[in-house]
N, C-alpha and C. Protein backbone atom coordinates (compact mmCIF):
# COMPACT_ATOMS: atom_id res chain seq x y z
N MET A 1 0.68 -1.31 -0.10
CA MET A 1 0.13 0.00 0.08
C MET A 1 1.04 1.26 0.01
N ALA A 2 0.70 2.24 -0.83
CA ALA A 2 1.42 3.63 -0.88
C ALA A 2 1.14 4.36 0.47
N LYS A 3 2.48 4.99 1.06
CA LYS A 3 2.28 5.27 1.89
C LYS A 3 1.47 6.88 1.60
N LYS A 4 0.68 7.14 2.84
CA LYS A 4 -0.07 8.36 2.30
C LYS A 4 0.81 9.51 2.77
N SER A 5 0.57 10.69 1.58
CA SER A 5 1.29 11.79 1.22
C SER A 5 0.27 12.80 2.32
N THR A 6 1.62 13.22 3.20
CA THR A 6 0.84 13.94 3.96
C THR A 6 1.30 15.75 3.88
N PHE A 7 2.23 16.04 2.70
CA PHE A 7 2.84 17.43 2.59
C PHE A 7 3.34 17.26 1.29
N GLU A 8 2.62 18.22 0.44
CA GLU A 8 3.01 18.40 -1.24
C GLU A 8 3.62 19.87 -1.24
N LEU A 9 4.59 20.12 -1.85
CA LEU A 9 5.25 21.35 -2.23
C LEU A 9 4.42 21.88 -3.27
N VAL A 10 3.76 22.98 -3.42
CA VAL A 10 2.85 23.43 -5.29
C VAL A 10 4.18 24.34 -5.78
N SER A 11 4.88 25.09 -4.83
CA SER A 11 5.79 26.30 -5.34
C SER A 11 7.15 25.03 -5.69
N PRO A 12 7.95 25.54 -6.82
CA PRO A 12 9.18 25.04 -7.05
C PRO A 12 10.04 25.09 -6.38
N PHE A 13 10.45 23.53 -6.07
CA PHE A 13 11.46 23.69 -4.89
C PHE A 13 12.77 24.35 -4.80
N LEU A 14 13.15 24.47 -5.73
CA LEU A 14 14.62 25.06 -6.16
C LEU A 14 14.33 27.02 -5.99
N SER A 15 13.11 27.21 -5.53
CA SER A 15 12.96 28.84 -5.48
C SER A 15 12.86 28.73 -3.58
N ILE A 16 12.95 27.60 -3.01
CA ILE A 16 12.81 27.58 -1.71
C ILE A 16 14.11 27.27 -0.96
N TYR A 17 14.53 27.92 0.15
CA TYR A 17 15.97 27.90 0.99
C TYR A 17 15.07 26.51 1.92
N ALA A 18 15.80 25.38 1.97
CA ALA A 18 15.83 24.01 2.59
C ALA A 18 17.19 23.76 3.34
N PRO A 19 17.53 24.25 4.08
CA PRO A 19 18.90 23.64 4.47
C PRO A 19 18.75 22.49 5.48
N SER A 20 20.02 21.71 5.66
CA SER A 20 19.34 20.20 6.35
C SER A 20 20.06 20.67 8.08
N ARG A 21 19.30 20.77 9.12
CA ARG A 21 19.12 20.77 10.21
C ARG A 21 19.57 19.49 11.30
N THR A 22 20.77 19.83 12.36
CA THR A 22 20.69 18.51 12.91
C THR A 22 19.41 18.41 13.70
N PHE A 23 19.03 16.90 13.52
CA PHE A 23 18.06 16.74 14.56
C PHE A 23 18.07 16.60 16.38
N SER A 24 17.95 17.17 17.01
CA SER A 24 18.47 17.24 18.17
C SER A 24 17.45 16.39 19.57
N GLY A 25 16.63 15.64 19.04
CA GLY A 25 15.36 14.81 19.43
C GLY A 25 15.78 13.55 19.45
N ASP A 26 14.81 12.30 20.17
CA ASP A 26 14.88 11.19 19.84
C ASP A 26 15.30 10.43 18.46
N ALA A 27 16.99 9.90 18.33
CA ALA A 27 17.00 9.71 17.08
C ALA A 27 15.93 8.27 16.64
N SER A 28 14.96 7.71 16.90
CA SER A 28 14.13 6.95 16.79
C SER A 28 12.98 7.67 16.37
N LEU A 29 12.81 8.80 16.12
CA LEU A 29 12.06 9.19 15.43
C LEU A 29 12.34 9.53 13.65
N LEU A 30 13.59 9.25 13.58
CA LEU A 30 13.89 9.72 12.58
C LEU A 30 13.87 8.38 11.45
N ASP A 31 13.92 7.43 11.26
CA ASP A 31 13.94 5.87 11.22
C ASP A 31 12.64 5.35 10.57
N GLY A 32 11.15 6.17 10.96
CA GLY A 32 10.41 5.87 10.02
C GLY A 32 9.22 4.43 10.61
N LYS A 33 10.16 3.94 11.71
CA LYS A 33 9.40 2.70 11.75
C LYS A 33 8.48 2.91 13.17
N THR A 34 8.82 3.97 13.61
CA THR A 34 7.68 3.74 14.74
C THR A 34 6.37 4.64 14.70
N ASN A 35 5.56 4.19 15.17
CA ASN A 35 3.93 5.40 15.20
C ASN A 35 4.28 6.60 15.36
N ASN A 36 5.26 6.78 16.32
CA ASN A 36 5.38 8.45 16.23
C ASN A 36 6.51 8.84 15.75
N ALA A 37 7.21 8.48 14.38
CA ALA A 37 8.15 9.16 13.66
C ALA A 37 7.76 10.48 13.03
N LEU A 38 9.04 10.84 12.65
CA LEU A 38 8.28 12.52 12.03
C LEU A 38 7.54 12.50 10.82
N VAL A 39 6.66 13.39 10.82
CA VAL A 39 5.63 13.32 10.15
C VAL A 39 6.30 14.43 8.83
N PRO A 40 6.38 13.97 7.53
CA PRO A 40 6.11 14.92 6.39
C PRO A 40 5.22 16.33 6.39
N GLY A 41 5.94 17.40 6.60
CA GLY A 41 4.91 18.81 6.93
C GLY A 41 4.85 18.86 8.38
N GLU A 42 5.03 18.21 9.60
CA GLU A 42 5.17 18.27 11.04
C GLU A 42 6.15 19.45 10.84
N LEU A 43 5.99 20.78 12.22
CA LEU A 43 6.76 21.66 12.51
C LEU A 43 7.75 21.31 13.60
N LEU A 44 9.01 21.31 13.04
CA LEU A 44 10.05 21.31 14.32
C LEU A 44 10.90 22.65 14.52
N SER A 45 11.19 22.92 15.68
CA SER A 45 11.16 24.02 16.63
C SER A 45 12.75 24.11 16.62
N MET A 46 13.71 25.38 16.15
CA MET A 46 14.98 25.43 16.41
C MET A 46 15.65 25.77 17.75
N ASP A 47 16.82 25.04 17.81
CA ASP A 47 17.28 25.14 19.32
C ASP A 47 18.50 25.93 19.28
N SER A 48 19.05 26.68 20.56
CA SER A 48 19.79 27.53 20.44
C SER A 48 21.44 27.20 19.52
N ASN A 49 21.40 25.81 19.22
CA ASN A 49 22.66 25.26 18.29
C ASN A 49 22.28 25.63 16.78
N TYR A 50 21.06 25.84 16.59
CA TYR A 50 20.47 25.90 15.08
C TYR A 50 19.97 24.56 14.59
N GLY A 51 19.80 23.87 16.02
CA GLY A 51 19.39 22.40 15.25
C GLY A 51 17.97 22.25 15.33
N VAL A 52 17.00 21.39 15.10
CA VAL A 52 15.75 21.49 15.32
C VAL A 52 15.28 20.18 16.01
N ASN A 53 14.33 20.09 16.75
CA ASN A 53 13.70 19.33 17.68
C ASN A 53 12.08 19.27 17.71
N ARG A 54 11.14 18.35 17.81
CA ARG A 54 9.94 18.37 17.84
C ARG A 54 9.42 18.92 19.22
N THR A 55 8.99 20.06 19.20
CA THR A 55 8.51 21.03 20.35
C THR A 55 6.82 21.05 20.13
N VAL A 56 6.29 20.47 20.96
CA VAL A 56 4.50 20.34 20.92
C VAL A 56 3.85 21.10 22.06
N PRO A 57 3.13 22.02 21.19
CA PRO A 57 2.39 22.91 22.33
C PRO A 57 1.70 21.74 23.30
N THR A 58 1.38 22.54 24.72
CA THR A 58 1.36 21.33 25.86
C THR A 58 -0.07 20.74 25.65
N LYS A 59 -1.15 21.51 25.28
CA LYS A 59 -2.48 20.80 25.37
C LYS A 59 -3.22 21.15 23.95
N LEU A 60 -3.92 20.23 23.77
CA LEU A 60 -4.93 20.62 22.11
C LEU A 60 -5.98 20.22 22.75
N SER A 61 -6.84 21.26 22.53
CA SER A 61 -8.13 21.39 22.24
C SER A 61 -9.08 20.36 21.58
N ASP A 62 -9.97 20.11 22.30
CA ASP A 62 -11.16 18.97 21.23
C ASP A 62 -12.44 19.70 21.65
N GLY A 63 -12.98 20.67 20.69
CA GLY A 63 -14.03 21.56 20.82
C GLY A 63 -14.33 22.34 21.88
N THR A 64 -13.11 22.89 22.24
CA THR A 64 -12.91 23.75 23.33
C THR A 64 -11.96 25.18 23.04
N ALA A 65 -12.09 25.61 22.11
CA ALA A 65 -11.53 27.07 21.56
C ALA A 65 -10.38 27.45 22.65
N ASP A 66 -10.85 27.91 23.97
CA ASP A 66 -9.88 28.47 25.24
C ASP A 66 -8.78 27.45 25.54
N GLN A 67 -8.85 26.30 25.00
CA GLN A 67 -8.07 25.04 25.53
C GLN A 67 -6.93 25.12 24.43
N THR A 68 -6.98 25.78 23.54
CA THR A 68 -5.81 25.30 22.31
C THR A 68 -4.74 26.31 22.23
N MET A 69 -3.66 24.99 22.37
CA MET A 69 -2.55 26.13 22.75
C MET A 69 -1.65 26.42 21.45
N TYR A 70 -1.02 27.41 20.97
CA TYR A 70 -0.51 28.01 19.85
C TYR A 70 0.92 28.51 20.23
N SER A 71 1.57 28.55 19.44
CA SER A 71 3.56 28.84 19.65
C SER A 71 3.25 30.34 19.29
N LEU A 72 4.57 31.12 20.16
CA LEU A 72 4.53 32.39 20.01
C LEU A 72 5.91 32.30 19.23
N SER A 73 6.66 31.17 18.94
CA SER A 73 7.64 31.11 18.32
C SER A 73 7.84 30.77 16.73
N PRO A 74 8.35 30.88 16.05
CA PRO A 74 8.25 30.63 14.31
C PRO A 74 8.98 28.71 14.89
N ALA A 75 8.26 27.91 13.58
CA ALA A 75 8.58 26.67 13.42
C ALA A 75 9.01 26.40 11.98
N PHE A 76 9.72 25.25 11.61
CA PHE A 76 10.10 25.01 10.10
C PHE A 76 9.29 23.80 10.08
N VAL A 77 8.47 23.81 8.68
CA VAL A 77 7.99 22.43 7.95
C VAL A 77 9.25 21.27 7.85
N PHE A 78 9.21 20.13 8.67
CA PHE A 78 10.20 18.76 7.75
C PHE A 78 9.50 18.53 6.64
N PHE A 79 10.64 18.44 5.52
CA PHE A 79 10.05 18.15 4.19
C PHE A 79 10.98 16.68 3.70
N SER A 80 10.39 15.55 3.78
CA SER A 80 10.94 14.56 3.64
C SER A 80 10.92 14.33 1.92
N GLU A 81 12.07 14.70 1.45
CA GLU A 81 12.28 14.99 -0.05
C GLU A 81 12.98 13.90 -0.44
N THR A 82 12.22 13.23 -1.41
CA THR A 82 12.70 12.03 -2.50
C THR A 82 14.54 12.43 -2.59
N GLY A 83 15.25 11.35 -2.09
CA GLY A 83 16.98 11.38 -2.66
C GLY A 83 17.34 12.02 -1.55
N ARG A 84 16.50 12.13 -0.26
CA ARG A 84 17.46 12.70 0.88
C ARG A 84 17.48 12.18 2.10
N GLY A 85 17.13 10.77 1.81
CA GLY A 85 17.22 9.61 3.12
C GLY A 85 18.93 9.83 3.94
N ASP A 86 19.96 10.01 3.12
CA ASP A 86 21.19 10.22 3.89
C ASP A 86 21.12 11.20 4.55
N LEU A 87 20.10 11.98 4.97
CA LEU A 87 20.69 13.16 5.34
C LEU A 87 19.46 12.93 6.84
N ILE A 88 18.42 12.28 6.69
CA ILE A 88 18.14 11.39 8.00
C ILE A 88 18.50 10.70 8.48
N THR A 89 19.22 9.70 7.91
CA THR A 89 20.02 8.47 8.50
C THR A 89 21.16 9.03 9.31
N GLY A 90 21.93 10.00 8.84
CA GLY A 90 22.68 10.64 9.46
C GLY A 90 22.65 11.83 10.78
N GLY A 91 21.14 11.74 10.67
CA GLY A 91 21.07 12.70 11.93
C GLY A 91 20.57 14.01 11.78
N LYS A 92 20.55 13.96 10.04
CA LYS A 92 20.25 15.65 10.47
C LYS A 92 19.21 15.83 9.38
N VAL A 93 17.89 16.89 9.29
CA VAL A 93 16.68 16.49 8.39
C VAL A 93 16.36 17.87 7.87
N PRO A 94 16.47 17.92 6.35
CA PRO A 94 15.61 18.79 5.28
C PRO A 94 14.58 19.65 6.28
N VAL A 95 14.48 21.00 6.02
CA VAL A 95 13.71 21.47 7.03
C VAL A 95 13.24 22.92 5.52
N LEU A 96 12.35 23.27 5.66
CA LEU A 96 11.59 24.62 4.75
C LEU A 96 11.77 25.97 5.30
N GLN A 97 12.82 26.82 5.21
CA GLN A 97 13.23 27.49 6.21
C GLN A 97 12.53 28.94 5.95
N PHE A 98 12.67 29.16 4.92
CA PHE A 98 11.94 30.48 4.45
C PHE A 98 11.09 31.06 2.93
N GLY A 99 9.96 31.26 3.28
CA GLY A 99 9.09 31.85 2.29
C GLY A 99 9.56 32.72 1.09
N PRO A 100 8.50 32.92 0.69
CA PRO A 100 7.16 32.45 0.51
C PRO A 100 7.06 31.34 -0.42
N TYR A 101 6.22 30.23 -0.28
CA TYR A 101 5.94 29.16 -0.66
C TYR A 101 4.76 28.59 -0.46
N GLU A 102 3.98 27.46 -1.60
CA GLU A 102 2.95 27.16 -1.32
C GLU A 102 3.10 25.83 -1.17
N ALA A 103 2.08 25.24 -0.46
CA ALA A 103 1.95 23.79 -0.15
C ALA A 103 0.76 23.43 0.72
N ASP A 104 0.16 22.16 0.07
CA ASP A 104 -0.74 21.25 0.47
C ASP A 104 -0.25 20.28 1.41
N THR A 105 -1.24 20.35 2.75
CA THR A 105 -0.71 19.88 3.94
C THR A 105 -1.78 19.42 4.47
N GLN A 106 -1.78 17.69 5.12
CA GLN A 106 -2.86 17.48 6.02
C GLN A 106 -2.28 17.45 7.76
N VAL A 107 -1.18 17.68 8.02
CA VAL A 107 -0.93 17.79 9.15
C VAL A 107 -1.50 19.44 9.70
N PHE A 108 -2.61 19.18 9.94
CA PHE A 108 -3.86 20.27 10.42
C PHE A 108 -4.64 20.08 11.63
N ALA A 109 -4.79 20.85 12.29
CA ALA A 109 -6.20 20.42 13.23
C ALA A 109 -7.70 20.02 13.16
N ARG A 110 -7.42 18.31 13.82
CA ARG A 110 -8.60 17.71 13.39
C ARG A 110 -9.36 17.11 14.47
N LEU A 111 -10.30 16.92 14.58
CA LEU A 111 -11.29 15.94 15.46
C LEU A 111 -10.54 14.44 15.71
N ALA A 112 -11.08 13.88 16.58
CA ALA A 112 -11.21 12.03 16.32
C ALA A 112 -11.60 11.63 15.50
N ASN A 113 -12.31 12.30 14.32
CA ASN A 113 -13.12 11.15 13.47
C ASN A 113 -12.28 11.73 12.10
N GLY A 114 -11.35 12.50 12.36
CA GLY A 114 -10.67 13.05 11.35
C GLY A 114 -10.93 14.26 10.78
N THR A 115 -11.88 14.78 10.92
CA THR A 115 -12.40 15.87 10.63
C THR A 115 -11.74 17.67 10.47
N LEU A 116 -10.89 18.05 10.03
CA LEU A 116 -10.09 19.26 9.87
C LEU A 116 -11.16 20.03 10.23
N VAL A 117 -10.60 21.20 11.72
CA VAL A 117 -11.23 22.15 12.11
C VAL A 117 -10.73 23.66 12.11
N SER A 118 -11.88 24.31 11.89
CA SER A 118 -11.16 25.72 12.24
C SER A 118 -10.90 26.43 13.36
N SER A 119 -10.98 27.67 13.64
CA SER A 119 -10.31 28.50 14.69
C SER A 119 -10.77 28.12 16.42
N ASP A 120 -12.38 27.57 16.12
CA ASP A 120 -12.94 27.17 17.37
C ASP A 120 -12.58 25.66 18.08
N GLY A 121 -11.80 24.98 17.19
CA GLY A 121 -11.55 23.89 17.76
C GLY A 121 -12.66 22.58 17.44
N SER A 122 -13.56 23.04 16.91
CA SER A 122 -15.10 22.18 16.33
C SER A 122 -15.53 22.24 15.18
N THR A 123 -15.87 23.59 14.73
CA THR A 123 -16.24 23.71 13.74
C THR A 123 -15.78 23.29 12.21
N ALA A 124 -16.21 22.59 11.43
CA ALA A 124 -15.81 21.85 10.43
C ALA A 124 -14.95 23.39 9.67
N LEU A 125 -13.96 22.81 9.23
CA LEU A 125 -13.15 23.65 7.91
C LEU A 125 -13.92 23.82 6.66
N SER A 126 -13.89 25.10 6.49
CA SER A 126 -14.73 25.27 5.35
C SER A 126 -13.81 26.42 3.87
N SER A 127 -14.34 26.68 3.06
CA SER A 127 -14.74 27.68 2.16
C SER A 127 -14.39 29.03 3.03
N SER A 128 -14.94 29.13 3.77
CA SER A 128 -14.92 30.31 4.76
C SER A 128 -13.80 30.62 5.38
N ASP A 129 -12.91 29.94 5.45
CA ASP A 129 -11.68 29.87 6.24
C ASP A 129 -10.44 30.42 5.40
N ILE A 130 -10.78 30.21 4.16
CA ILE A 130 -9.81 30.42 3.08
C ILE A 130 -9.40 32.15 3.36
N GLY A 131 -8.25 32.28 3.23
CA GLY A 131 -7.84 33.77 3.49
C GLY A 131 -7.47 33.91 5.15
N ALA A 132 -7.69 32.77 6.52
CA ALA A 132 -7.59 32.95 7.53
C ALA A 132 -5.85 32.90 7.81
N PRO A 133 -5.41 33.13 9.26
CA PRO A 133 -4.33 33.15 9.14
C PRO A 133 -4.04 31.38 9.86
N VAL A 134 -2.77 31.40 10.10
CA VAL A 134 -2.38 29.85 10.58
C VAL A 134 -1.50 29.93 11.29
N GLY A 135 -0.94 29.06 12.82
CA GLY A 135 -0.04 29.05 13.34
C GLY A 135 0.22 27.84 13.70
N VAL A 136 1.17 27.64 14.45
CA VAL A 136 1.63 26.28 15.48
C VAL A 136 0.98 25.71 16.49
N MET A 137 0.05 24.84 16.26
CA MET A 137 -0.70 24.33 17.28
C MET A 137 -0.49 22.66 17.56
N ALA A 138 -1.02 22.25 18.59
CA ALA A 138 -0.57 20.64 18.69
C ALA A 138 -2.07 20.20 18.17
N VAL A 139 -1.59 18.88 17.34
CA VAL A 139 -2.72 18.83 16.57
C VAL A 139 -2.36 17.42 16.33
N ARG A 140 -3.63 16.19 16.04
CA ARG A 140 -3.88 14.84 16.02
C ARG A 140 -2.51 14.50 14.73
N HIS A 141 -1.90 13.21 14.96
CA HIS A 141 -1.24 12.47 13.79
C HIS A 141 -1.99 12.46 12.34
N PRO A 142 -1.60 13.19 11.27
CA PRO A 142 -2.72 13.13 10.07
C PRO A 142 -3.28 11.90 9.64
N SER A 143 -2.37 10.76 9.97
CA SER A 143 -3.11 9.61 9.57
C SER A 143 -3.43 8.46 10.47
N GLN A 144 -2.96 8.37 12.02
CA GLN A 144 -3.69 7.91 12.91
C GLN A 144 -4.14 8.71 14.23
N TYR A 145 -5.13 9.61 13.25
CA TYR A 145 -5.61 10.46 14.35
C TYR A 145 -6.45 9.70 15.29
N ALA A 146 -7.43 8.69 15.05
CA ALA A 146 -8.26 7.81 15.82
C ALA A 146 -7.60 7.42 17.39
N SER A 147 -6.59 7.54 17.07
CA SER A 147 -5.21 6.96 17.91
C SER A 147 -4.30 7.78 18.88
N ALA A 148 -4.96 9.12 18.89
CA ALA A 148 -4.00 9.94 19.39
C ALA A 148 -4.50 10.35 20.86
N ALA A 149 -3.70 10.27 21.77
CA ALA A 149 -3.98 10.41 23.04
C ALA A 149 -4.18 12.11 23.61
N VAL A 150 -5.34 12.31 23.60
CA VAL A 150 -5.33 13.90 23.76
C VAL A 150 -5.81 14.24 24.85
N GLY A 151 -4.94 15.03 25.53
CA GLY A 151 -5.52 15.71 26.92
C GLY A 151 -5.85 17.21 26.76
N LYS A 152 -6.96 17.66 27.79
CA LYS A 152 -7.83 18.29 27.53
C LYS A 152 -7.53 19.56 28.71
N ASN A 153 -7.17 18.83 29.70
CA ASN A 153 -6.96 19.74 30.87
C ASN A 153 -5.39 20.63 31.06
N ALA A 154 -5.58 21.96 31.47
CA ALA A 154 -4.50 22.53 31.85
C ALA A 154 -3.35 21.95 32.33
N GLY A 155 -2.11 22.35 31.56
CA GLY A 155 -0.96 21.58 31.68
C GLY A 155 -0.69 20.39 31.22
N ASP A 156 -1.63 19.46 30.70
CA ASP A 156 -1.32 18.45 29.96
C ASP A 156 -0.03 18.25 29.00
N LEU A 157 0.68 17.69 29.15
CA LEU A 157 1.81 17.65 28.36
C LEU A 157 1.83 16.30 27.34
N HIS A 158 2.09 16.43 26.06
CA HIS A 158 1.92 15.26 24.74
C HIS A 158 3.31 14.98 24.92
N ALA A 159 3.56 13.62 25.67
CA ALA A 159 4.68 12.89 24.98
C ALA A 159 4.92 12.40 23.61
N ASP A 160 6.38 12.35 22.99
CA ASP A 160 5.79 12.13 21.63
C ASP A 160 5.83 10.81 21.23
N ALA A 161 5.22 10.07 22.10
CA ALA A 161 4.84 8.70 21.76
C ALA A 161 3.04 8.87 21.34
N ASN A 162 2.40 9.60 21.99
CA ASN A 162 0.90 9.85 22.07
C ASN A 162 0.65 10.07 20.51
N LEU A 163 1.28 10.25 19.57
CA LEU A 163 0.36 10.50 18.22
C LEU A 163 -0.28 12.07 17.93
N VAL A 164 0.31 12.80 18.80
CA VAL A 164 0.24 14.13 18.84
C VAL A 164 1.16 15.03 18.39
N VAL A 165 1.36 16.04 17.49
CA VAL A 165 2.39 16.68 16.82
C VAL A 165 2.53 17.81 16.68
N ALA A 166 3.13 18.72 16.45
CA ALA A 166 3.06 20.17 16.04
C ALA A 166 2.86 20.31 14.65
N GLY A 167 1.75 20.68 14.58
CA GLY A 167 0.89 21.16 13.05
C GLY A 167 1.03 22.49 12.79
N ILE A 168 -0.45 22.43 12.31
CA ILE A 168 -0.78 23.83 11.54
C ILE A 168 -2.33 23.72 12.14
N GLY A 169 -2.96 25.07 12.12
CA GLY A 169 -4.19 25.35 13.10
C GLY A 169 -4.42 26.54 12.77
N VAL A 170 -6.02 27.05 12.33
CA VAL A 170 -6.60 28.24 12.14
C VAL A 170 -6.25 29.00 13.58
N LEU A 171 -6.01 30.15 13.23
CA LEU A 171 -5.44 31.40 14.16
C LEU A 171 -6.95 32.13 14.41
N SER A 172 -7.61 32.54 15.75
CA SER A 172 -8.55 33.51 15.87
C SER A 172 -7.87 34.96 15.92
N ASN A 173 -8.83 35.86 16.09
CA ASN A 173 -8.10 37.00 16.35
C ASN A 173 -7.21 37.22 17.43
N ALA A 174 -8.01 36.54 18.40
CA ALA A 174 -7.67 36.81 19.93
C ALA A 174 -5.98 36.26 20.15
N GLN A 175 -5.81 35.07 19.47
CA GLN A 175 -4.94 34.46 19.35
C GLN A 175 -3.72 35.52 18.78
N VAL A 176 -3.98 35.89 17.63
CA VAL A 176 -3.45 37.03 16.64
C VAL A 176 -2.88 37.74 17.46
N GLN A 177 -3.79 38.48 18.17
CA GLN A 177 -3.46 39.62 18.69
C GLN A 177 -2.50 39.09 20.28
N ASN A 178 -2.56 38.14 20.75
CA ASN A 178 -2.12 37.64 21.83
C ASN A 178 -0.48 37.36 21.27
N GLY A 179 -0.16 37.27 20.43
CA GLY A 179 1.59 37.41 19.65
C GLY A 179 1.39 36.13 19.13
N ALA A 180 0.36 35.14 18.81
CA ALA A 180 0.54 33.77 18.31
C ALA A 180 1.67 34.01 17.05
N HIS A 181 2.36 33.22 16.70
CA HIS A 181 3.56 33.38 15.63
C HIS A 181 2.70 32.88 14.13
N VAL A 182 2.51 33.44 13.37
CA VAL A 182 1.52 33.38 12.17
C VAL A 182 2.57 32.88 11.04
N LEU A 183 2.09 31.59 10.43
CA LEU A 183 3.15 30.80 10.12
C LEU A 183 2.91 31.56 8.34
N GLY A 184 1.47 31.94 8.18
CA GLY A 184 1.01 32.08 6.90
C GLY A 184 -0.78 31.92 6.66
N TYR A 185 -1.19 31.77 5.56
CA TYR A 185 -2.80 32.03 5.56
C TYR A 185 -3.07 30.88 4.15
N ILE A 186 -4.11 30.21 4.62
CA ILE A 186 -4.77 29.54 3.68
C ILE A 186 -5.43 29.91 2.58
N SER A 187 -4.76 29.31 1.44
CA SER A 187 -5.21 30.10 0.19
C SER A 187 -6.14 28.76 -0.76
N ARG A 188 -6.16 27.74 -0.53
CA ARG A 188 -7.37 26.57 -0.74
C ARG A 188 -7.76 25.71 -0.13
N ILE A 189 -8.84 25.06 -0.35
CA ILE A 189 -8.98 23.89 0.45
C ILE A 189 -9.93 22.50 -0.38
N THR A 190 -9.00 21.41 -0.61
CA THR A 190 -9.68 20.34 -1.29
C THR A 190 -10.02 19.79 -0.89
N GLY A 191 -10.73 18.43 -1.21
CA GLY A 191 -11.44 17.05 -0.85
C GLY A 191 -11.97 17.42 0.43
N THR A 192 -12.72 16.18 0.76
CA THR A 192 -13.41 15.90 2.11
C THR A 192 -13.20 15.47 3.30
N GLY A 193 -13.81 15.15 4.31
CA GLY A 193 -13.66 14.77 5.19
C GLY A 193 -12.42 14.56 5.94
N ALA A 194 -12.09 13.37 6.29
CA ALA A 194 -10.59 13.04 6.83
C ALA A 194 -9.76 13.35 5.95
N ASN A 195 -9.77 13.22 4.48
CA ASN A 195 -8.89 13.49 3.57
C ASN A 195 -8.83 14.78 2.73
N MET A 196 -9.44 15.67 3.40
CA MET A 196 -9.07 17.21 3.30
C MET A 196 -7.58 17.67 3.18
N LYS A 197 -7.10 18.10 2.16
CA LYS A 197 -6.12 18.99 2.47
C LYS A 197 -5.81 20.65 2.17
N VAL A 198 -5.08 21.30 2.66
CA VAL A 198 -5.15 22.72 3.04
C VAL A 198 -3.92 23.33 2.13
N ARG A 199 -4.20 24.18 1.45
CA ARG A 199 -3.02 24.60 0.80
C ARG A 199 -2.64 25.92 1.63
N ILE A 200 -1.56 26.14 1.93
CA ILE A 200 -0.98 27.22 2.82
C ILE A 200 -0.22 28.11 2.12
N LEU A 201 -0.27 29.17 1.96
CA LEU A 201 0.97 29.92 1.66
C LEU A 201 1.81 30.49 2.87
N PHE A 202 3.02 29.89 2.81
CA PHE A 202 3.75 30.11 4.12
C PHE A 202 5.03 31.87 4.23
N GLY A 203 4.70 32.13 4.82
CA GLY A 203 6.04 33.20 4.97
C GLY A 203 5.68 34.24 4.24
N LEU A 204 3.98 34.76 4.77
CA LEU A 204 3.89 36.07 4.37
C LEU A 204 3.67 36.85 5.70
C-alpha cells in the first residue's frame, strides 16, 4: 500500500531555502519505523545550536477553543524530500526555512473522526476559512488521528509517543492579538472529510 502523502509542495522546490539541520531529539523518530516517527509537514522548532527538535504545544483542544495552545515562536516544516534519506539517517533533517512558498498539508488540526477544524476547535473547516491566518498548534497525527491520546486539561503534556505532533491550525483574532506566530494563510481547501488538504501560503 502506498504511504499516505501528508505534505506536498506546490511552489518549485528550487525557489525555497531548505537547509539540513541536526535533529536534537530522539533518534528513533528519524527511522520511520515507530508510530510517532517524524511526519512530513510536521513543524520543528529551532534550538539554541541552530538544530531542530519536535516541540509540541502543551495541550490540544477538542471542541473547546480556549484550551487550544499555540506557539509564539517560529517553526519550520519538516520536508521529507525524495533522495535525501541519507541526511535523515545521518541525524540531519531538511526543513523549509524561508518563504514565501505554497504547499498542501494534512498535518492540520482535526477531531478524532478526522474532520479538519476551524479556529474554534470544533467547527468543520470550510471555504469561509480561506484567507485565514494559521499558526503552530498541537494536532492529531494526520493518519493515526483516531488513536491520538489527547489531553484537554490545563498543563497536560504530550509525550512523543501519543500521536500528537506540532502541526497547523487556524488562528483566531484573539490568538493573533496575543502574539501567536503566524506561519501563513490558507489559500485553498480541497477534498472532503478526513482526506481534506489545506493549501497554505507560507512566509507572508
